[in-house]
Amino acid sequence: MPTQNLYDSIALAENIKIQAKARNVQLKDMFAELDLSKGTLSNLRLGKKISADSLARIADYLDCSMDFLMGRTVDPAVQRMNLTDDERQKVTDYLQFILSQRK
């Protein structure tokens, strides 16, 4: 089955800019606090990729999900679950079981 590339660095750059404006965040301040290059948005606009770690830190700073910044959802809310390590392992085990039952 062919996969669709859902990574669009130009749209990502624009969504970061829009979310920062909505949160009243100065981009230069955010990038400085996150120890990211002030040219991060310019690089994205040129088609360069950003690491998952950097994207996660930006999303956390802007209090939204990475999927929202990437344009995969219109809901900026982060779906946080406070699971213990044991509960997280049980969820992982269950998902692996479900996937193993596929034909």
PDB file of N, CA and C in Angstrom:
ATOM      1  N   MET A   1       0.845  -1.164   0.000  1.00  0.00           N
ATOM      2  CA  MET A   1       0.000   0.000   0.000  1.00  0.00           C
ATOM      3  C   MET A   1       0.900   1.240   0.000  1.00  0.00           C
ATOM      4  N   PRO A   2       0.726   2.177  -0.936  1.00  0.00           N
ATOM      5  CA  PRO A   2       1.550   3.376  -0.964  1.00  0.00           C
ATOM      6  C   PRO A   2       1.216   4.280   0.222  1.00  0.00           C
ATOM      7  N   THR A   3       2.242   4.923   0.730  1.00  0.00           N
ATOM      8  CA  THR A   3       2.030   5.840   1.843  1.00  0.00           C
ATOM      9  C   THR A   3       2.062   7.266   1.339  1.00  0.00           C
ATOM     10  N   GLN A   4       1.302   8.099   1.988  1.00  0.00           N
ATOM     11  CA  GLN A   4       1.239   9.504   1.634  1.00  0.00           C
ATOM     12  C   GLN A   4       2.221  10.257   2.519  1.00  0.00           C
ATOM     13  N   ASN A   5       3.027  11.108   1.911  1.00  0.00           N
ATOM     14  CA  ASN A   5       3.970  11.910   2.675  1.00  0.00           C
ATOM     15  C   ASN A   5       3.211  13.060   3.332  1.00  0.00           C
ATOM     16  N   LEU A   6       3.150  13.036   4.646  1.00  0.00           N
ATOM     17  CA  LEU A   6       2.414  14.064   5.378  1.00  0.00           C
ATOM     18  C   LEU A   6       3.325  15.145   5.937  1.00  0.00           C
ATOM     19  N   TYR A   7       4.588  15.150   5.483  1.00  0.00           N
ATOM     20  CA  TYR A   7       5.526  16.148   5.966  1.00  0.00           C
ATOM     21  C   TYR A   7       5.688  17.237   4.920  1.00  0.00           C
ATOM     22  N   ASP A   8       5.275  18.430   5.255  1.00  0.00           N
ATOM     23  CA  ASP A   8       5.394  19.588   4.366  1.00  0.00           C
ATOM     24  C   ASP A   8       6.080  20.683   5.169  1.00  0.00           C
ATOM     25  N   SER A   9       7.385  20.858   4.930  1.00  0.00           N
ATOM     26  CA  SER A   9       8.159  21.790   5.754  1.00  0.00           C
ATOM     27  C   SER A   9       7.693  23.230   5.588  1.00  0.00           C
ATOM     28  N   ILE A  10       7.210  23.582   4.415  1.00  0.00           N
ATOM     29  CA  ILE A  10       6.745  24.956   4.199  1.00  0.00           C
ATOM     30  C   ILE A  10       5.481  25.219   5.017  1.00  0.00           C
ATOM     31  N   ALA A  11       4.540  24.275   4.989  1.00  0.00           N
ATOM     32  CA  ALA A  11       3.314  24.409   5.788  1.00  0.00           C
ATOM     33  C   ALA A  11       3.655  24.382   7.274  1.00  0.00           C
ATOM     34  N   LEU A  12       4.623  23.559   7.660  1.00  0.00           N
ATOM     35  CA  LEU A  12       5.041  23.483   9.057  1.00  0.00           C
ATOM     36  C   LEU A  12       5.554  24.836   9.528  1.00  0.00           C
ATOM     37  N   ALA A  13       6.387  25.474   8.723  1.00  0.00           N
ATOM     38  CA  ALA A  13       6.923  26.793   9.074  1.00  0.00           C
ATOM     39  C   ALA A  13       5.796  27.800   9.261  1.00  0.00           C
ATOM     40  N   GLU A  14       4.836  27.775   8.358  1.00  0.00           N
ATOM     41  CA  GLU A  14       3.718  28.706   8.447  1.00  0.00           C
ATOM     42  C   GLU A  14       2.867  28.428   9.682  1.00  0.00           C
ATOM     43  N   ASN A  15       2.633  27.164   9.982  1.00  0.00           N
ATOM     44  CA  ASN A  15       1.825  26.815  11.152  1.00  0.00           C
ATOM     45  C   ASN A  15       2.527  27.201  12.454  1.00  0.00           C
ATOM     46  N   ILE A  16       3.831  27.059  12.508  1.00  0.00           N
ATOM     47  CA  ILE A  16       4.585  27.500  13.691  1.00  0.00           C
ATOM     48  C   ILE A  16       4.418  29.003  13.861  1.00  0.00           C
ATOM     49  N   LYS A  17       4.555  29.734  12.771  1.00  0.00           N
ATOM     50  CA  LYS A  17       4.409  31.199  12.812  1.00  0.00           C
ATOM     51  C   LYS A  17       3.011  31.606  13.275  1.00  0.00           C
ATOM     52  N   ILE A  18       1.989  30.941  12.729  1.00  0.00           N
ATOM     53  CA  ILE A  18       0.603  31.266  13.084  1.00  0.00           C
ATOM     54  C   ILE A  18       0.331  30.955  14.559  1.00  0.00           C
ATOM     55  N   GLN A  19       0.785  29.788  15.024  1.00  0.00           N
ATOM     56  CA  GLN A  19       0.541  29.403  16.415  1.00  0.00           C
ATOM     57  C   GLN A  19       1.289  30.323  17.371  1.00  0.00           C
ATOM     58  N   ALA A  20       2.499  30.705  17.006  1.00  0.00           N
ATOM     59  CA  ALA A  20       3.264  31.628  17.847  1.00  0.00           C
ATOM     60  C   ALA A  20       2.534  32.962  17.963  1.00  0.00           C
ATOM     61  N   LYS A  21       2.022  33.444  16.849  1.00  0.00           N
ATOM     62  CA  LYS A  21       1.273  34.708  16.872  1.00  0.00           C
ATOM     63  C   LYS A  21       0.022  34.576  17.727  1.00  0.00           C
ATOM     64  N   ALA A  22      -0.680  33.448  17.601  1.00  0.00           N
ATOM     65  CA  ALA A  22      -1.900  33.222  18.384  1.00  0.00           C
ATOM     66  C   ALA A  22      -1.597  33.168  19.880  1.00  0.00           C
ATOM     67  N   ARG A  23      -0.401  32.693  20.232  1.00  0.00           N
ATOM     68  CA  ARG A  23       0.002  32.581  21.640  1.00  0.00           C
ATOM     69  C   ARG A  23       0.773  33.819  22.106  1.00  0.00           C
ATOM     70  N   ASN A  24       0.901  34.809  21.216  1.00  0.00           N
ATOM     71  CA  ASN A  24       1.627  36.037  21.536  1.00  0.00           C
ATOM     72  C   ASN A  24       3.093  35.738  21.888  1.00  0.00           C
ATOM     73  N   VAL A  25       3.692  34.845  21.128  1.00  0.00           N
ATOM     74  CA  VAL A  25       5.077  34.420  21.356  1.00  0.00           C
ATOM     75  C   VAL A  25       5.955  35.012  20.269  1.00  0.00           C
ATOM     76  N   GLN A  26       7.028  35.650  20.686  1.00  0.00           N
ATOM     77  CA  GLN A  26       8.020  36.158  19.737  1.00  0.00           C
ATOM     78  C   GLN A  26       8.884  34.990  19.279  1.00  0.00           C
ATOM     79  N   LEU A  27       8.952  34.777  17.966  1.00  0.00           N
ATOM     80  CA  LEU A  27       9.698  33.639  17.437  1.00  0.00           C
ATOM     81  C   LEU A  27      11.164  33.666  17.854  1.00  0.00           C
ATOM     82  N   LYS A  28      11.787  34.831  17.790  1.00  0.00           N
ATOM     83  CA  LYS A  28      13.209  34.904  18.147  1.00  0.00           C
ATOM     84  C   LYS A  28      13.429  34.520  19.602  1.00  0.00           C
ATOM     85  N   ASP A  29      12.508  34.897  20.475  1.00  0.00           N
ATOM     86  CA  ASP A  29      12.615  34.532  21.889  1.00  0.00           C
ATOM     87  C   ASP A  29      12.434  33.026  22.073  1.00  0.00           C
ATOM     88  N   MET A  30      11.443  32.468  21.372  1.00  0.00           N
ATOM     89  CA  MET A  30      11.183  31.036  21.476  1.00  0.00           C
ATOM     90  C   MET A  30      12.401  30.245  21.008  1.00  0.00           C
ATOM     91  N   PHE A  31      12.925  30.587  19.844  1.00  0.00           N
ATOM     92  CA  PHE A  31      14.073  29.850  19.318  1.00  0.00           C
ATOM     93  C   PHE A  31      15.287  29.985  20.229  1.00  0.00           C
ATOM     94  N   ALA A  32      15.479  31.158  20.808  1.00  0.00           N
ATOM     95  CA  ALA A  32      16.606  31.345  21.732  1.00  0.00           C
ATOM     96  C   ALA A  32      16.427  30.477  22.972  1.00  0.00           C
ATOM     97  N   GLU A  33      15.222  30.468  23.539  1.00  0.00           N
ATOM     98  CA  GLU A  33      14.962  29.677  24.746  1.00  0.00           C
ATOM     99  C   GLU A  33      15.073  28.178  24.485  1.00  0.00           C
ATOM    100  N   LEU A  34      14.741  27.770  23.254  1.00  0.00           N
ATOM    101  CA  LEU A  34      14.807  26.355  22.906  1.00  0.00           C
ATOM    102  C   LEU A  34      16.172  25.962  22.351  1.00  0.00           C
ATOM    103  N   ASP A  35      17.081  26.927  22.299  1.00  0.00           N
ATOM    104  CA  ASP A  35      18.431  26.701  21.777  1.00  0.00           C
ATOM    105  C   ASP A  35      18.390  26.183  20.335  1.00  0.00           C
ATOM    106  N   LEU A  36      17.492  26.793  19.549  1.00  0.00           N
ATOM    107  CA  LEU A  36      17.385  26.482  18.129  1.00  0.00           C
ATOM    108  C   LEU A  36      17.860  27.688  17.326  1.00  0.00           C
ATOM    109  N   SER A  37      18.275  27.444  16.120  1.00  0.00           N
ATOM    110  CA  SER A  37      18.748  28.500  15.243  1.00  0.00           C
ATOM    111  C   SER A  37      17.634  29.498  14.942  1.00  0.00           C
ATOM    112  N   LYS A  38      17.988  30.770  14.867  1.00  0.00           N
ATOM    113  CA  LYS A  38      16.986  31.766  14.508  1.00  0.00           C
ATOM    114  C   LYS A  38      16.580  31.609  13.043  1.00  0.00           C
ATOM    115  N   GLY A  39      17.330  30.819  12.289  1.00  0.00           N
ATOM    116  CA  GLY A  39      16.997  30.544  10.897  1.00  0.00           C
ATOM    117  C   GLY A  39      16.168  29.291  10.714  1.00  0.00           C
ATOM    118  N   THR A  40      15.633  28.760  11.796  1.00  0.00           N
ATOM    119  CA  THR A  40      14.857  27.527  11.722  1.00  0.00           C
ATOM    120  C   THR A  40      13.694  27.639  10.744  1.00  0.00           C
ATOM    121  N   LEU A  41      12.915  28.720  10.833  1.00  0.00           N
ATOM    122  CA  LEU A  41      11.772  28.874   9.931  1.00  0.00           C
ATOM    123  C   LEU A  41      12.235  29.063   8.496  1.00  0.00           C
ATOM    124  N   SER A  42      13.300  29.819   8.298  1.00  0.00           N
ATOM    125  CA  SER A  42      13.826  30.009   6.943  1.00  0.00           C
ATOM    126  C   SER A  42      14.258  28.682   6.345  1.00  0.00           C
ATOM    127  N   ASN A  43      14.913  27.861   7.153  1.00  0.00           N
ATOM    128  CA  ASN A  43      15.336  26.544   6.677  1.00  0.00           C
ATOM    129  C   ASN A  43      14.142  25.686   6.289  1.00  0.00           C
ATOM    130  N   LEU A  44      13.085  25.727   7.102  1.00  0.00           N
ATOM    131  CA  LEU A  44      11.881  24.965   6.785  1.00  0.00           C
ATOM    132  C   LEU A  44      11.255  25.459   5.481  1.00  0.00           C
ATOM    133  N   ARG A  45      11.244  26.773   5.311  1.00  0.00           N
ATOM    134  CA  ARG A  45      10.668  27.332   4.084  1.00  0.00           C
ATOM    135  C   ARG A  45      11.470  26.939   2.843  1.00  0.00           C
ATOM    136  N   LEU A  46      12.734  26.596   3.045  1.00  0.00           N
ATOM    137  CA  LEU A  46      13.586  26.142   1.943  1.00  0.00           C
ATOM    138  C   LEU A  46      13.481  24.636   1.719  1.00  0.00           C
ATOM    139  N   GLY A  47      12.596  23.987   2.485  1.00  0.00           N
ATOM    140  CA  GLY A  47      12.367  22.559   2.301  1.00  0.00           C
ATOM    141  C   GLY A  47      13.212  21.665   3.184  1.00  0.00           C
ATOM    142  N   LYS A  48      13.960  22.253   4.106  1.00  0.00           N
ATOM    143  CA  LYS A  48      14.772  21.434   5.005  1.00  0.00           C
ATOM    144  C   LYS A  48      13.888  20.826   6.081  1.00  0.00           C
ATOM    145  N   LYS A  49      14.354  19.737   6.638  1.00  0.00           N
ATOM    146  CA  LYS A  49      13.598  19.028   7.672  1.00  0.00           C
ATOM    147  C   LYS A  49      14.055  19.490   9.061  1.00  0.00           C
ATOM    148  N   ILE A  50      13.217  19.217  10.033  1.00  0.00           N
ATOM    149  CA  ILE A  50      13.515  19.532  11.424  1.00  0.00           C
ATOM    150  C   ILE A  50      13.474  18.217  12.199  1.00  0.00           C
ATOM    151  N   SER A  51      14.301  18.091  13.201  1.00  0.00           N
ATOM    152  CA  SER A  51      14.310  16.849  13.980  1.00  0.00           C
ATOM    153  C   SER A  51      13.015  16.734  14.787  1.00  0.00           C
ATOM    154  N   ALA A  52      12.649  15.510  15.082  1.00  0.00           N
ATOM    155  CA  ALA A  52      11.447  15.265  15.889  1.00  0.00           C
ATOM    156  C   ALA A  52      11.593  15.908  17.262  1.00  0.00           C
ATOM    157  N   ASP A  53      12.803  15.877  17.815  1.00  0.00           N
ATOM    158  CA  ASP A  53      13.040  16.481  19.117  1.00  0.00           C
ATOM    159  C   ASP A  53      12.795  17.983  19.077  1.00  0.00           C
ATOM    160  N   SER A  54      13.304  18.643  18.051  1.00  0.00           N
ATOM    161  CA  SER A  54      13.105  20.090  17.929  1.00  0.00           C
ATOM    162  C   SER A  54      11.640  20.422  17.723  1.00  0.00           C
ATOM    163  N   LEU A  55      10.963  19.645  16.890  1.00  0.00           N
ATOM    164  CA  LEU A  55       9.539  19.873  16.660  1.00  0.00           C
ATOM    165  C   LEU A  55       8.740  19.669  17.942  1.00  0.00           C
ATOM    166  N   ALA A  56       9.090  18.659  18.714  1.00  0.00           N
ATOM    167  CA  ALA A  56       8.398  18.401  19.980  1.00  0.00           C
ATOM    168  C   ALA A  56       8.597  19.556  20.955  1.00  0.00           C
ATOM    169  N   ARG A  57       9.825  20.088  21.013  1.00  0.00           N
ATOM    170  CA  ARG A  57      10.078  21.211  21.920  1.00  0.00           C
ATOM    171  C   ARG A  57       9.307  22.446  21.497  1.00  0.00           C
ATOM    172  N   ILE A  58       9.215  22.689  20.182  1.00  0.00           N
ATOM    173  CA  ILE A  58       8.434  23.832  19.692  1.00  0.00           C
ATOM    174  C   ILE A  58       6.962  23.635  20.034  1.00  0.00           C
ATOM    175  N   ALA A  59       6.439  22.444  19.788  1.00  0.00           N
ATOM    176  CA  ALA A  59       5.028  22.161  20.092  1.00  0.00           C
ATOM    177  C   ALA A  59       4.749  22.339  21.581  1.00  0.00           C
ATOM    178  N   ASP A  60       5.639  21.849  22.430  1.00  0.00           N
ATOM    179  CA  ASP A  60       5.458  22.026  23.874  1.00  0.00           C
ATOM    180  C   ASP A  60       5.474  23.507  24.239  1.00  0.00           C
ATOM    181  N   TYR A  61       6.399  24.237  23.661  1.00  0.00           N
ATOM    182  CA  TYR A  61       6.517  25.676  23.948  1.00  0.00           C
ATOM    183  C   TYR A  61       5.243  26.408  23.539  1.00  0.00           C
ATOM    184  N   LEU A  62       4.676  26.010  22.402  1.00  0.00           N
ATOM    185  CA  LEU A  62       3.467  26.663  21.899  1.00  0.00           C
ATOM    186  C   LEU A  62       2.190  26.008  22.420  1.00  0.00           C
ATOM    187  N   ASP A  63       2.340  25.025  23.302  1.00  0.00           N
ATOM    188  CA  ASP A  63       1.225  24.327  23.935  1.00  0.00           C
ATOM    189  C   ASP A  63       0.226  23.786  22.912  1.00  0.00           C
ATOM    190  N   CYS A  64       0.781  23.049  21.963  1.00  0.00           N
ATOM    191  CA  CYS A  64      -0.058  22.398  20.959  1.00  0.00           C
ATOM    192  C   CYS A  64       0.590  21.071  20.586  1.00  0.00           C
ATOM    193  N   SER A  65      -0.110  20.295  19.805  1.00  0.00           N
ATOM    194  CA  SER A  65       0.447  19.004  19.397  1.00  0.00           C
ATOM    195  C   SER A  65       1.339  19.162  18.170  1.00  0.00           C
ATOM    196  N   MET A  66       2.234  18.213  18.002  1.00  0.00           N
ATOM    197  CA  MET A  66       3.072  18.189  16.816  1.00  0.00           C
ATOM    198  C   MET A  66       2.214  17.987  15.572  1.00  0.00           C
ATOM    199  N   ASP A  67       1.188  17.147  15.685  1.00  0.00           N
ATOM    200  CA  ASP A  67       0.288  16.919  14.549  1.00  0.00           C
ATOM    201  C   ASP A  67      -0.406  18.208  14.123  1.00  0.00           C
ATOM    202  N   PHE A  68      -0.753  19.050  15.075  1.00  0.00           N
ATOM    203  CA  PHE A  68      -1.377  20.331  14.742  1.00  0.00           C
ATOM    204  C   PHE A  68      -0.406  21.189  13.939  1.00  0.00           C
ATOM    205  N   LEU A  69       0.837  21.277  14.400  1.00  0.00           N
ATOM    206  CA  LEU A  69       1.828  22.079  13.677  1.00  0.00           C
ATOM    207  C   LEU A  69       2.084  21.526  12.278  1.00  0.00           C
ATOM    208  N   MET A  70       1.984  20.214  12.152  1.00  0.00           N
ATOM    209  CA  MET A  70       2.235  19.597  10.853  1.00  0.00           C
ATOM    210  C   MET A  70       0.997  19.606   9.949  1.00  0.00           C
ATOM    211  N   GLY A  71      -0.113  20.127  10.454  1.00  0.00           N
ATOM    212  CA  GLY A  71      -1.324  20.229   9.645  1.00  0.00           C
ATOM    213  C   GLY A  71      -2.104  18.936   9.543  1.00  0.00           C
ATOM    214  N   ARG A  72      -1.840  18.001  10.441  1.00  0.00           N
ATOM    215  CA  ARG A  72      -2.537  16.700  10.412  1.00  0.00           C
ATOM    216  C   ARG A  72      -3.858  16.746  11.153  1.00  0.00           C
ATOM    217  N   THR A  73      -4.062  17.766  11.958  1.00  0.00           N
ATOM    218  CA  THR A  73      -5.306  17.931  12.700  1.00  0.00           C
ATOM    219  C   THR A  73      -5.576  19.427  12.858  1.00  0.00           C
ATOM    220  N   VAL A  74      -6.834  19.772  13.025  1.00  0.00           N
ATOM    221  CA  VAL A  74      -7.192  21.174  13.233  1.00  0.00           C
ATOM    222  C   VAL A  74      -7.335  21.487  14.718  1.00  0.00           C
ATOM    223  N   ASP A  75      -7.192  20.461  15.548  1.00  0.00           N
ATOM    224  CA  ASP A  75      -7.323  20.615  16.995  1.00  0.00           C
ATOM    225  C   ASP A  75      -5.929  20.760  17.606  1.00  0.00           C
ATOM    226  N   PRO A  76      -5.606  21.937  18.140  1.00  0.00           N
ATOM    227  CA  PRO A  76      -4.271  22.125  18.701  1.00  0.00           C
ATOM    228  C   PRO A  76      -4.056  21.422  20.038  1.00  0.00           C
ATOM    229  N   ALA A  77      -5.130  20.944  20.658  1.00  0.00           N
ATOM    230  CA  ALA A  77      -5.021  20.361  22.001  1.00  0.00           C
ATOM    231  C   ALA A  77      -4.115  19.138  21.994  1.00  0.00           C
ATOM    232  N   VAL A  78      -3.352  19.043  23.042  1.00  0.00           N
ATOM    233  CA  VAL A  78      -2.486  17.889  23.242  1.00  0.00           C
ATOM    234  C   VAL A  78      -3.287  16.866  24.033  1.00  0.00           C
ATOM    235  N   GLN A  79      -3.305  15.651  23.549  1.00  0.00           N
ATOM    236  CA  GLN A  79      -4.028  14.580  24.230  1.00  0.00           C
ATOM    237  C   GLN A  79      -3.076  13.907  25.217  1.00  0.00           C
ATOM    238  N   ARG A  80      -3.006  14.443  26.405  1.00  0.00           N
ATOM    239  CA  ARG A  80      -2.083  13.911  27.410  1.00  0.00           C
ATOM    240  C   ARG A  80      -2.753  12.812  28.218  1.00  0.00           C
ATOM    241  N   MET A  81      -1.989  11.780  28.471  1.00  0.00           N
ATOM    242  CA  MET A  81      -2.467  10.700  29.323  1.00  0.00           C
ATOM    243  C   MET A  81      -1.434  10.498  30.426  1.00  0.00           C
ATOM    244  N   ASN A  82      -1.890  10.550  31.643  1.00  0.00           N
ATOM    245  CA  ASN A  82      -1.001  10.288  32.772  1.00  0.00           C
ATOM    246  C   ASN A  82      -1.029   8.802  33.088  1.00  0.00           C
ATOM    247  N   LEU A  83      -0.161   8.070  32.411  1.00  0.00           N
ATOM    248  CA  LEU A  83      -0.083   6.641  32.633  1.00  0.00           C
ATOM    249  C   LEU A  83       1.181   6.302  33.409  1.00  0.00           C
ATOM    250  N   THR A  84       1.052   5.310  34.246  1.00  0.00           N
ATOM    251  CA  THR A  84       2.246   4.806  34.928  1.00  0.00           C
ATOM    252  C   THR A  84       3.045   3.986  33.909  1.00  0.00           C
ATOM    253  N   ASP A  85       4.280   3.671  34.241  1.00  0.00           N
ATOM    254  CA  ASP A  85       5.091   2.842  33.351  1.00  0.00           C
ATOM    255  C   ASP A  85       4.420   1.487  33.117  1.00  0.00           C
ATOM    256  N   ASP A  86       3.832   0.936  34.174  1.00  0.00           N
ATOM    257  CA  ASP A  86       3.154  -0.356  34.065  1.00  0.00           C
ATOM    258  C   ASP A  86       1.948  -0.252  33.134  1.00  0.00           C
ATOM    259  N   GLU A  87       1.157   0.815  33.262  1.00  0.00           N
ATOM    260  CA  GLU A  87      -0.009   1.004  32.402  1.00  0.00           C
ATOM    261  C   GLU A  87       0.421   1.206  30.947  1.00  0.00           C
ATOM    262  N   ARG A  88       1.472   1.965  30.750  1.00  0.00           N
ATOM    263  CA  ARG A  88       1.982   2.206  29.398  1.00  0.00           C
ATOM    264  C   ARG A  88       2.426   0.889  28.752  1.00  0.00           C
ATOM    265  N   GLN A  89       3.070   0.033  29.529  1.00  0.00           N
ATOM    266  CA  GLN A  89       3.509  -1.266  29.019  1.00  0.00           C
ATOM    267  C   GLN A  89       2.311  -2.130  28.660  1.00  0.00           C
ATOM    268  N   LYS A  90       1.270  -2.085  29.487  1.00  0.00           N
ATOM    269  CA  LYS A  90       0.065  -2.864  29.202  1.00  0.00           C
ATOM    270  C   LYS A  90      -0.596  -2.391  27.901  1.00  0.00           C
ATOM    271  N   VAL A  91      -0.628  -1.102  27.677  1.00  0.00           N
ATOM    272  CA  VAL A  91      -1.194  -0.557  26.440  1.00  0.00           C
ATOM    273  C   VAL A  91      -0.368  -1.025  25.249  1.00  0.00           C
ATOM    274  N   THR A  92       0.940  -0.945  25.362  1.00  0.00           N
ATOM    275  CA  THR A  92       1.827  -1.394  24.291  1.00  0.00           C
ATOM    276  C   THR A  92       1.631  -2.875  24.008  1.00  0.00           C
ATOM    277  N   ASP A  93       1.573  -3.671  25.066  1.00  0.00           N
ATOM    278  CA  ASP A  93       1.363  -5.114  24.900  1.00  0.00           C
ATOM    279  C   ASP A  93       0.031  -5.401  24.213  1.00  0.00           C
ATOM    280  N   TYR A  94      -1.004  -4.686  24.613  1.00  0.00           N
ATOM    281  CA  TYR A  94      -2.326  -4.901  24.030  1.00  0.00           C
ATOM    282  C   TYR A  94      -2.322  -4.529  22.545  1.00  0.00           C
ATOM    283  N   LEU A  95      -1.711  -3.409  22.204  1.00  0.00           N
ATOM    284  CA  LEU A  95      -1.634  -3.006  20.804  1.00  0.00           C
ATOM    285  C   LEU A  95      -0.875  -4.034  19.977  1.00  0.00           C
ATOM    286  N   GLN A  96       0.210  -4.547  20.525  1.00  0.00           N
ATOM    287  CA  GLN A  96       0.966  -5.569  19.804  1.00  0.00           C
ATOM    288  C   GLN A  96       0.119  -6.819  19.607  1.00  0.00           C
ATOM    289  N   PHE A  97      -0.668  -7.188  20.613  1.00  0.00           N
ATOM    290  CA  PHE A  97      -1.559  -8.346  20.501  1.00  0.00           C
ATOM    291  C   PHE A  97      -2.584  -8.116  19.387  1.00  0.00           C
ATOM    292  N   ILE A  98      -3.221  -6.954  19.395  1.00  0.00           N
ATOM    293  CA  ILE A  98      -4.235  -6.631  18.381  1.00  0.00           C
ATOM    294  C   ILE A  98      -3.619  -6.699  16.989  1.00  0.00           C
ATOM    295  N   LEU A  99      -2.456  -6.098  16.823  1.00  0.00           N
ATOM    296  CA  LEU A  99      -1.797  -6.103  15.508  1.00  0.00           C
ATOM    297  C   LEU A  99      -1.383  -7.519  15.084  1.00  0.00           C
ATOM    298  N   SER A 100      -1.037  -8.343  16.033  1.00  0.00           N
ATOM    299  CA  SER A 100      -0.642  -9.718  15.698  1.00  0.00           C
ATOM    300  C   SER A 100      -1.828 -10.561  15.212  1.00  0.00           C
ATOM    301  N   GLN A 101      -3.058 -10.113  15.505  1.00  0.00           N
ATOM    302  CA  GLN A 101      -4.254 -10.847  15.109  1.00  0.00           C
ATOM    303  C   GLN A 101      -4.711 -10.503  13.688  1.00  0.00           C
ATOM    304  N   ARG A 102      -4.069  -9.522  13.052  1.00  0.00           N
ATOM    305  CA  ARG A 102      -4.415  -9.179  11.686  1.00  0.00           C
ATOM    306  C   ARG A 102      -4.030 -10.297  10.734  1.00  0.00           C
ATOM    307  N   LYS A 103      -4.800 -10.442   9.706  1.00  0.00           N
ATOM    308  CA  LYS A 103      -4.505 -11.486   8.714  1.00  0.00           C
ATOM    309  C   LYS A 103      -3.960 -10.901   7.462  1.00  0.00           C
TER     310      LYS A 103
END
